[in-house]
Amino acid sequence: MNKTVNFFAALAGTAFLVNFCWESLHGLLYKGHPGMAASDYVPMMLSMAAMDTLGVVALYTFTALVARRWFWTLGLFNSICFFLSGLVSAYAVEYVTIFIVHYWQYETSMPILLGVGLFPLFQISLTGLFSVFVARNIAGIR
């Protein structure tokens, strides 16, 4: 039980910190963000990092269901499963928020791939796998 608590606390903590940094940096590639006051920008980045953290935990859980193992290894199959499900999820979120609900827009400096921003497309997959790696080491799971 203690390993489980340690793992998920480390996963959530790492995912939050890494995604807060990622969001804060690539947030500057969205229209309106560069000129925002810190009193507006920081709470928005904290909120986005919290949502990303939930996404990482959800992707971890999905991969655990596919692997049929709660503490799955970072082998090729599991990593590809996590990475691809992260890409699909990120693409869906970006597509809906940009083209359907018009929640945000990109600056011209945002690199685009398949109609959505390159950095948000790969964010959850990369930060998630990194967070899983760190959490496994912190919790002592081999």
N, C-alpha and C. Protein backbone atom coordinates (compact mmCIF):
# COMPACT_ATOMS: atom_id res chain seq x y z
N MET A 1 0.82 -1.20 0.00
CA MET A 1 0.00 0.00 0.00
C MET A 1 0.86 1.26 0.00
N ASN A 2 1.94 1.26 0.78
CA ASN A 2 2.79 2.43 0.87
C ASN A 2 3.44 2.76 -0.48
N LYS A 3 3.85 1.72 -1.24
CA LYS A 3 4.43 1.95 -2.55
C LYS A 3 3.43 2.60 -3.49
N THR A 4 2.18 2.18 -3.39
CA THR A 4 1.14 2.73 -4.25
C THR A 4 0.93 4.21 -3.95
N VAL A 5 0.82 4.55 -2.69
CA VAL A 5 0.64 5.95 -2.29
C VAL A 5 1.85 6.78 -2.71
N ASN A 6 3.04 6.26 -2.45
CA ASN A 6 4.26 6.99 -2.83
C ASN A 6 4.34 7.18 -4.34
N PHE A 7 4.00 6.13 -5.08
CA PHE A 7 4.06 6.22 -6.53
C PHE A 7 3.11 7.28 -7.06
N PHE A 8 1.84 7.23 -6.64
CA PHE A 8 0.87 8.17 -7.19
C PHE A 8 1.10 9.60 -6.69
N ALA A 9 1.62 9.76 -5.49
CA ALA A 9 1.98 11.10 -5.02
C ALA A 9 3.14 11.65 -5.85
N ALA A 10 4.12 10.80 -6.12
CA ALA A 10 5.26 11.22 -6.94
C ALA A 10 4.83 11.47 -8.38
N LEU A 11 3.94 10.62 -8.90
CA LEU A 11 3.45 10.81 -10.27
C LEU A 11 2.72 12.14 -10.40
N ALA A 12 1.80 12.40 -9.48
CA ALA A 12 1.03 13.64 -9.53
C ALA A 12 1.92 14.86 -9.31
N GLY A 13 2.82 14.78 -8.34
CA GLY A 13 3.70 15.91 -8.06
C GLY A 13 4.63 16.23 -9.22
N THR A 14 5.22 15.19 -9.78
CA THR A 14 6.13 15.39 -10.91
C THR A 14 5.36 15.90 -12.12
N ALA A 15 4.22 15.27 -12.41
CA ALA A 15 3.42 15.69 -13.57
C ALA A 15 3.00 17.15 -13.43
N PHE A 16 2.60 17.55 -12.23
CA PHE A 16 2.18 18.93 -12.02
C PHE A 16 3.34 19.90 -12.27
N LEU A 17 4.48 19.64 -11.67
CA LEU A 17 5.62 20.56 -11.81
C LEU A 17 6.11 20.64 -13.25
N VAL A 18 6.26 19.49 -13.89
CA VAL A 18 6.76 19.48 -15.26
C VAL A 18 5.77 20.16 -16.20
N ASN A 19 4.47 19.88 -16.02
CA ASN A 19 3.47 20.48 -16.89
C ASN A 19 3.28 21.96 -16.62
N PHE A 20 3.47 22.39 -15.38
CA PHE A 20 3.41 23.83 -15.10
C PHE A 20 4.52 24.56 -15.86
N CYS A 21 5.72 23.99 -15.84
CA CYS A 21 6.84 24.61 -16.58
C CYS A 21 6.56 24.59 -18.07
N TRP A 22 6.10 23.44 -18.58
CA TRP A 22 5.81 23.33 -20.02
C TRP A 22 4.73 24.32 -20.43
N GLU A 23 3.63 24.36 -19.66
CA GLU A 23 2.52 25.28 -19.97
C GLU A 23 2.99 26.72 -19.94
N SER A 24 3.78 27.07 -18.94
CA SER A 24 4.24 28.45 -18.81
C SER A 24 5.10 28.88 -19.99
N LEU A 25 5.90 27.96 -20.50
CA LEU A 25 6.77 28.30 -21.63
C LEU A 25 6.01 28.30 -22.95
N HIS A 26 5.25 27.24 -23.24
CA HIS A 26 4.59 27.23 -24.54
C HIS A 26 3.30 28.05 -24.53
N GLY A 27 2.85 28.46 -23.36
CA GLY A 27 1.69 29.35 -23.29
C GLY A 27 1.93 30.66 -24.02
N LEU A 28 3.19 31.01 -24.15
CA LEU A 28 3.53 32.25 -24.86
C LEU A 28 3.26 32.15 -26.35
N LEU A 29 2.97 30.94 -26.85
CA LEU A 29 2.69 30.74 -28.26
C LEU A 29 1.18 30.79 -28.56
N TYR A 30 0.39 31.18 -27.56
CA TYR A 30 -1.06 31.34 -27.74
C TYR A 30 -1.39 32.82 -27.78
N LYS A 31 -2.35 33.19 -28.61
CA LYS A 31 -2.76 34.59 -28.73
C LYS A 31 -3.29 35.10 -27.39
N GLY A 32 -2.85 36.28 -27.05
CA GLY A 32 -3.31 36.93 -25.83
C GLY A 32 -2.49 36.60 -24.60
N HIS A 33 -1.78 35.50 -24.60
CA HIS A 33 -1.03 35.12 -23.41
C HIS A 33 0.19 35.99 -23.13
N PRO A 34 0.99 36.34 -24.15
CA PRO A 34 2.20 37.11 -23.85
C PRO A 34 1.93 38.44 -23.13
N GLY A 35 0.79 39.04 -23.38
CA GLY A 35 0.49 40.34 -22.76
C GLY A 35 -0.31 40.25 -21.47
N MET A 36 -0.61 39.06 -21.01
CA MET A 36 -1.43 38.90 -19.81
C MET A 36 -0.67 39.32 -18.56
N ALA A 37 -1.40 39.86 -17.61
CA ALA A 37 -0.83 40.17 -16.31
C ALA A 37 -0.53 38.87 -15.57
N ALA A 38 0.52 38.86 -14.78
CA ALA A 38 0.89 37.67 -14.02
C ALA A 38 -0.25 37.20 -13.12
N SER A 39 -1.05 38.14 -12.62
CA SER A 39 -2.17 37.78 -11.74
C SER A 39 -3.24 36.98 -12.47
N ASP A 40 -3.25 37.06 -13.79
CA ASP A 40 -4.17 36.25 -14.61
C ASP A 40 -3.46 35.02 -15.19
N TYR A 41 -2.22 35.23 -15.60
CA TYR A 41 -1.48 34.18 -16.30
C TYR A 41 -1.12 33.01 -15.37
N VAL A 42 -0.60 33.31 -14.20
CA VAL A 42 -0.16 32.24 -13.28
C VAL A 42 -1.32 31.35 -12.84
N PRO A 43 -2.47 31.90 -12.40
CA PRO A 43 -3.58 31.01 -12.05
C PRO A 43 -4.06 30.15 -13.24
N MET A 44 -4.03 30.72 -14.44
CA MET A 44 -4.43 29.95 -15.62
C MET A 44 -3.44 28.81 -15.85
N MET A 45 -2.14 29.05 -15.69
CA MET A 45 -1.13 28.01 -15.87
C MET A 45 -1.24 26.95 -14.77
N LEU A 46 -1.56 27.37 -13.56
CA LEU A 46 -1.76 26.41 -12.46
C LEU A 46 -2.96 25.50 -12.76
N SER A 47 -4.02 26.08 -13.27
CA SER A 47 -5.21 25.32 -13.64
C SER A 47 -4.92 24.34 -14.77
N MET A 48 -4.19 24.80 -15.79
CA MET A 48 -3.85 23.93 -16.90
C MET A 48 -2.93 22.80 -16.45
N ALA A 49 -1.98 23.10 -15.58
CA ALA A 49 -1.08 22.06 -15.07
C ALA A 49 -1.86 21.03 -14.25
N ALA A 50 -2.86 21.48 -13.51
CA ALA A 50 -3.69 20.53 -12.75
C ALA A 50 -4.48 19.62 -13.69
N MET A 51 -5.01 20.19 -14.77
CA MET A 51 -5.73 19.36 -15.75
C MET A 51 -4.78 18.38 -16.44
N ASP A 52 -3.58 18.83 -16.74
CA ASP A 52 -2.58 17.95 -17.35
C ASP A 52 -2.21 16.81 -16.39
N THR A 53 -2.13 17.13 -15.11
CA THR A 53 -1.82 16.10 -14.11
C THR A 53 -2.90 15.04 -14.09
N LEU A 54 -4.14 15.45 -14.13
CA LEU A 54 -5.24 14.47 -14.20
C LEU A 54 -5.14 13.64 -15.47
N GLY A 55 -4.75 14.28 -16.57
CA GLY A 55 -4.56 13.57 -17.82
C GLY A 55 -3.47 12.52 -17.74
N VAL A 56 -2.36 12.86 -17.11
CA VAL A 56 -1.24 11.91 -16.96
C VAL A 56 -1.70 10.71 -16.12
N VAL A 57 -2.40 10.97 -15.03
CA VAL A 57 -2.88 9.88 -14.18
C VAL A 57 -3.88 9.01 -14.95
N ALA A 58 -4.75 9.65 -15.74
CA ALA A 58 -5.71 8.89 -16.54
C ALA A 58 -4.99 8.03 -17.59
N LEU A 59 -3.99 8.57 -18.26
CA LEU A 59 -3.23 7.81 -19.24
C LEU A 59 -2.47 6.67 -18.58
N TYR A 60 -1.93 6.92 -17.39
CA TYR A 60 -1.25 5.85 -16.66
C TYR A 60 -2.23 4.72 -16.35
N THR A 61 -3.41 5.09 -15.87
CA THR A 61 -4.43 4.09 -15.52
C THR A 61 -4.90 3.33 -16.76
N PHE A 62 -5.09 4.03 -17.87
CA PHE A 62 -5.48 3.37 -19.12
C PHE A 62 -4.41 2.35 -19.53
N THR A 63 -3.15 2.76 -19.47
CA THR A 63 -2.06 1.85 -19.84
C THR A 63 -1.99 0.67 -18.87
N ALA A 64 -2.27 0.91 -17.60
CA ALA A 64 -2.29 -0.19 -16.62
C ALA A 64 -3.39 -1.19 -16.96
N LEU A 65 -4.53 -0.70 -17.41
CA LEU A 65 -5.62 -1.60 -17.81
C LEU A 65 -5.21 -2.42 -19.04
N VAL A 66 -4.59 -1.77 -20.01
CA VAL A 66 -4.14 -2.48 -21.21
C VAL A 66 -3.07 -3.51 -20.84
N ALA A 67 -2.13 -3.12 -19.98
CA ALA A 67 -1.03 -4.00 -19.57
C ALA A 67 -1.48 -5.07 -18.57
N ARG A 68 -2.67 -4.87 -17.99
CA ARG A 68 -3.20 -5.76 -16.95
C ARG A 68 -2.25 -5.88 -15.76
N ARG A 69 -1.66 -4.73 -15.47
CA ARG A 69 -0.70 -4.68 -14.36
C ARG A 69 -0.67 -3.26 -13.82
N TRP A 70 -0.92 -3.12 -12.53
CA TRP A 70 -0.98 -1.79 -11.93
C TRP A 70 0.34 -1.05 -12.07
N PHE A 71 1.44 -1.72 -11.73
CA PHE A 71 2.76 -1.11 -11.88
C PHE A 71 3.42 -1.67 -13.13
N TRP A 72 3.01 -1.13 -14.27
CA TRP A 72 3.56 -1.60 -15.54
C TRP A 72 4.96 -1.06 -15.76
N THR A 73 5.73 -1.81 -16.53
CA THR A 73 7.10 -1.41 -16.82
C THR A 73 7.12 -0.43 -17.99
N LEU A 74 8.20 0.28 -18.10
CA LEU A 74 8.36 1.23 -19.19
C LEU A 74 8.97 0.55 -20.41
N GLY A 75 8.51 -0.66 -20.69
CA GLY A 75 8.96 -1.37 -21.88
C GLY A 75 8.38 -0.75 -23.14
N LEU A 76 8.76 -1.30 -24.26
CA LEU A 76 8.36 -0.74 -25.55
C LEU A 76 6.85 -0.71 -25.73
N PHE A 77 6.17 -1.83 -25.51
CA PHE A 77 4.72 -1.89 -25.73
C PHE A 77 3.97 -0.91 -24.84
N ASN A 78 4.26 -0.91 -23.55
CA ASN A 78 3.56 -0.02 -22.62
C ASN A 78 3.86 1.45 -22.90
N SER A 79 5.10 1.75 -23.23
CA SER A 79 5.47 3.13 -23.53
C SER A 79 4.78 3.62 -24.80
N ILE A 80 4.71 2.75 -25.81
CA ILE A 80 4.02 3.12 -27.05
C ILE A 80 2.53 3.30 -26.79
N CYS A 81 1.94 2.42 -25.99
CA CYS A 81 0.52 2.54 -25.64
C CYS A 81 0.26 3.88 -24.95
N PHE A 82 1.07 4.22 -23.96
CA PHE A 82 0.93 5.49 -23.24
C PHE A 82 1.12 6.66 -24.20
N PHE A 83 2.18 6.61 -24.99
CA PHE A 83 2.52 7.71 -25.89
C PHE A 83 1.42 7.94 -26.92
N LEU A 84 0.97 6.88 -27.57
CA LEU A 84 -0.06 7.04 -28.60
C LEU A 84 -1.40 7.48 -28.02
N SER A 85 -1.77 6.94 -26.87
CA SER A 85 -3.03 7.38 -26.25
C SER A 85 -2.93 8.84 -25.82
N GLY A 86 -1.73 9.27 -25.42
CA GLY A 86 -1.51 10.68 -25.11
C GLY A 86 -1.63 11.56 -26.34
N LEU A 87 -1.09 11.11 -27.47
CA LEU A 87 -1.20 11.87 -28.72
C LEU A 87 -2.66 12.00 -29.15
N VAL A 88 -3.40 10.91 -29.09
CA VAL A 88 -4.81 10.94 -29.49
C VAL A 88 -5.60 11.88 -28.58
N SER A 89 -5.37 11.78 -27.29
CA SER A 89 -6.06 12.64 -26.33
C SER A 89 -5.73 14.11 -26.55
N ALA A 90 -4.44 14.39 -26.71
CA ALA A 90 -4.01 15.78 -26.90
C ALA A 90 -4.57 16.34 -28.20
N TYR A 91 -4.55 15.55 -29.26
CA TYR A 91 -5.08 16.02 -30.53
C TYR A 91 -6.57 16.35 -30.39
N ALA A 92 -7.31 15.46 -29.73
CA ALA A 92 -8.75 15.69 -29.56
C ALA A 92 -9.01 16.98 -28.77
N VAL A 93 -8.28 17.17 -27.68
CA VAL A 93 -8.47 18.37 -26.85
C VAL A 93 -8.12 19.62 -27.65
N GLU A 94 -6.99 19.61 -28.31
CA GLU A 94 -6.58 20.80 -29.08
C GLU A 94 -7.56 21.08 -30.22
N TYR A 95 -7.97 20.05 -30.93
CA TYR A 95 -8.89 20.24 -32.06
C TYR A 95 -10.21 20.85 -31.59
N VAL A 96 -10.77 20.28 -30.53
CA VAL A 96 -12.05 20.78 -30.02
C VAL A 96 -11.92 22.21 -29.52
N THR A 97 -10.87 22.49 -28.74
CA THR A 97 -10.74 23.83 -28.15
C THR A 97 -10.40 24.90 -29.19
N ILE A 98 -9.78 24.52 -30.28
CA ILE A 98 -9.42 25.51 -31.30
C ILE A 98 -10.51 25.65 -32.36
N PHE A 99 -11.00 24.55 -32.88
CA PHE A 99 -11.89 24.60 -34.05
C PHE A 99 -13.38 24.50 -33.72
N ILE A 100 -13.73 24.00 -32.57
CA ILE A 100 -15.15 23.83 -32.25
C ILE A 100 -15.62 24.86 -31.23
N VAL A 101 -14.96 24.94 -30.08
CA VAL A 101 -15.41 25.90 -29.05
C VAL A 101 -14.62 27.22 -29.10
N HIS A 102 -13.58 27.27 -29.91
CA HIS A 102 -12.78 28.50 -30.10
C HIS A 102 -12.30 29.08 -28.76
N TYR A 103 -11.82 28.19 -27.90
CA TYR A 103 -11.37 28.61 -26.57
C TYR A 103 -10.04 29.35 -26.63
N TRP A 104 -9.15 28.96 -27.55
CA TRP A 104 -7.89 29.66 -27.72
C TRP A 104 -7.45 29.60 -29.16
N GLN A 105 -6.45 30.43 -29.46
CA GLN A 105 -5.85 30.50 -30.79
C GLN A 105 -4.34 30.54 -30.64
N TYR A 106 -3.65 30.11 -31.67
CA TYR A 106 -2.19 30.12 -31.65
C TYR A 106 -1.64 31.41 -32.23
N GLU A 107 -0.48 31.81 -31.74
CA GLU A 107 0.31 32.84 -32.39
C GLU A 107 0.89 32.22 -33.66
N THR A 108 1.33 33.05 -34.59
CA THR A 108 1.93 32.53 -35.82
C THR A 108 3.24 31.78 -35.54
N SER A 109 3.83 32.00 -34.39
CA SER A 109 5.10 31.34 -34.04
C SER A 109 4.90 29.89 -33.57
N MET A 110 3.65 29.45 -33.35
CA MET A 110 3.41 28.06 -32.92
C MET A 110 3.59 27.12 -34.11
N PRO A 111 4.51 26.16 -34.02
CA PRO A 111 4.63 25.17 -35.09
C PRO A 111 3.36 24.30 -35.11
N ILE A 112 2.86 24.02 -36.31
CA ILE A 112 1.61 23.29 -36.47
C ILE A 112 1.89 21.92 -37.10
N LEU A 113 1.20 20.90 -36.59
CA LEU A 113 1.25 19.56 -37.16
C LEU A 113 -0.16 19.00 -37.18
N LEU A 114 -0.62 18.62 -38.35
CA LEU A 114 -1.98 18.08 -38.52
C LEU A 114 -3.05 19.04 -38.01
N GLY A 115 -2.80 20.35 -38.17
CA GLY A 115 -3.77 21.36 -37.81
C GLY A 115 -3.73 21.85 -36.37
N VAL A 116 -2.93 21.20 -35.52
CA VAL A 116 -2.84 21.63 -34.13
C VAL A 116 -1.38 21.93 -33.77
N GLY A 117 -1.21 22.61 -32.66
CA GLY A 117 0.13 23.00 -32.22
C GLY A 117 1.01 21.80 -31.89
N LEU A 118 2.25 21.86 -32.35
CA LEU A 118 3.20 20.78 -32.14
C LEU A 118 3.49 20.56 -30.65
N PHE A 119 3.72 21.64 -29.92
CA PHE A 119 4.08 21.50 -28.50
C PHE A 119 2.94 20.95 -27.66
N PRO A 120 1.71 21.44 -27.80
CA PRO A 120 0.63 20.83 -27.03
C PRO A 120 0.31 19.40 -27.48
N LEU A 121 0.56 19.09 -28.74
CA LEU A 121 0.30 17.74 -29.24
C LEU A 121 1.16 16.70 -28.52
N PHE A 122 2.43 17.01 -28.31
CA PHE A 122 3.35 16.06 -27.70
C PHE A 122 3.49 16.21 -26.19
N GLN A 123 2.91 17.26 -25.63
CA GLN A 123 3.12 17.57 -24.21
C GLN A 123 2.77 16.43 -23.27
N ILE A 124 1.54 15.96 -23.30
CA ILE A 124 1.08 15.00 -22.30
C ILE A 124 1.82 13.67 -22.42
N SER A 125 2.16 13.29 -23.65
CA SER A 125 2.89 12.04 -23.85
C SER A 125 4.30 12.13 -23.28
N LEU A 126 4.99 13.22 -23.59
CA LEU A 126 6.38 13.37 -23.13
C LEU A 126 6.47 13.64 -21.63
N THR A 127 5.68 14.59 -21.16
CA THR A 127 5.74 14.90 -19.73
C THR A 127 5.21 13.72 -18.91
N GLY A 128 4.24 12.99 -19.47
CA GLY A 128 3.68 11.84 -18.77
C GLY A 128 4.68 10.71 -18.62
N LEU A 129 5.35 10.34 -19.70
CA LEU A 129 6.35 9.27 -19.61
C LEU A 129 7.49 9.65 -18.68
N PHE A 130 7.91 10.91 -18.75
CA PHE A 130 8.95 11.39 -17.83
C PHE A 130 8.47 11.29 -16.39
N SER A 131 7.23 11.67 -16.13
CA SER A 131 6.67 11.62 -14.78
C SER A 131 6.57 10.19 -14.26
N VAL A 132 6.19 9.26 -15.14
CA VAL A 132 6.12 7.84 -14.75
C VAL A 132 7.51 7.35 -14.38
N PHE A 133 8.50 7.68 -15.18
CA PHE A 133 9.88 7.28 -14.90
C PHE A 133 10.34 7.80 -13.54
N VAL A 134 10.12 9.08 -13.30
CA VAL A 134 10.53 9.69 -12.03
C VAL A 134 9.76 9.06 -10.86
N ALA A 135 8.45 8.90 -11.00
CA ALA A 135 7.64 8.35 -9.91
C ALA A 135 8.04 6.91 -9.59
N ARG A 136 8.34 6.11 -10.60
CA ARG A 136 8.80 4.73 -10.35
C ARG A 136 10.08 4.74 -9.53
N ASN A 137 10.99 5.63 -9.86
CA ASN A 137 12.26 5.70 -9.11
C ASN A 137 12.06 6.21 -7.69
N ILE A 138 11.21 7.20 -7.51
CA ILE A 138 10.96 7.74 -6.17
C ILE A 138 10.30 6.68 -5.29
N ALA A 139 9.34 5.93 -5.86
CA ALA A 139 8.61 4.92 -5.09
C ALA A 139 9.38 3.62 -4.96
N GLY A 140 10.52 3.50 -5.63
CA GLY A 140 11.31 2.29 -5.55
C GLY A 140 10.71 1.10 -6.30
N ILE A 141 10.02 1.39 -7.37
CA ILE A 141 9.40 0.33 -8.18
C ILE A 141 10.32 0.03 -9.34
N ARG A 142 10.69 -1.20 -9.47
CA ARG A 142 11.62 -1.60 -10.55
C ARG A 142 10.93 -2.37 -11.60
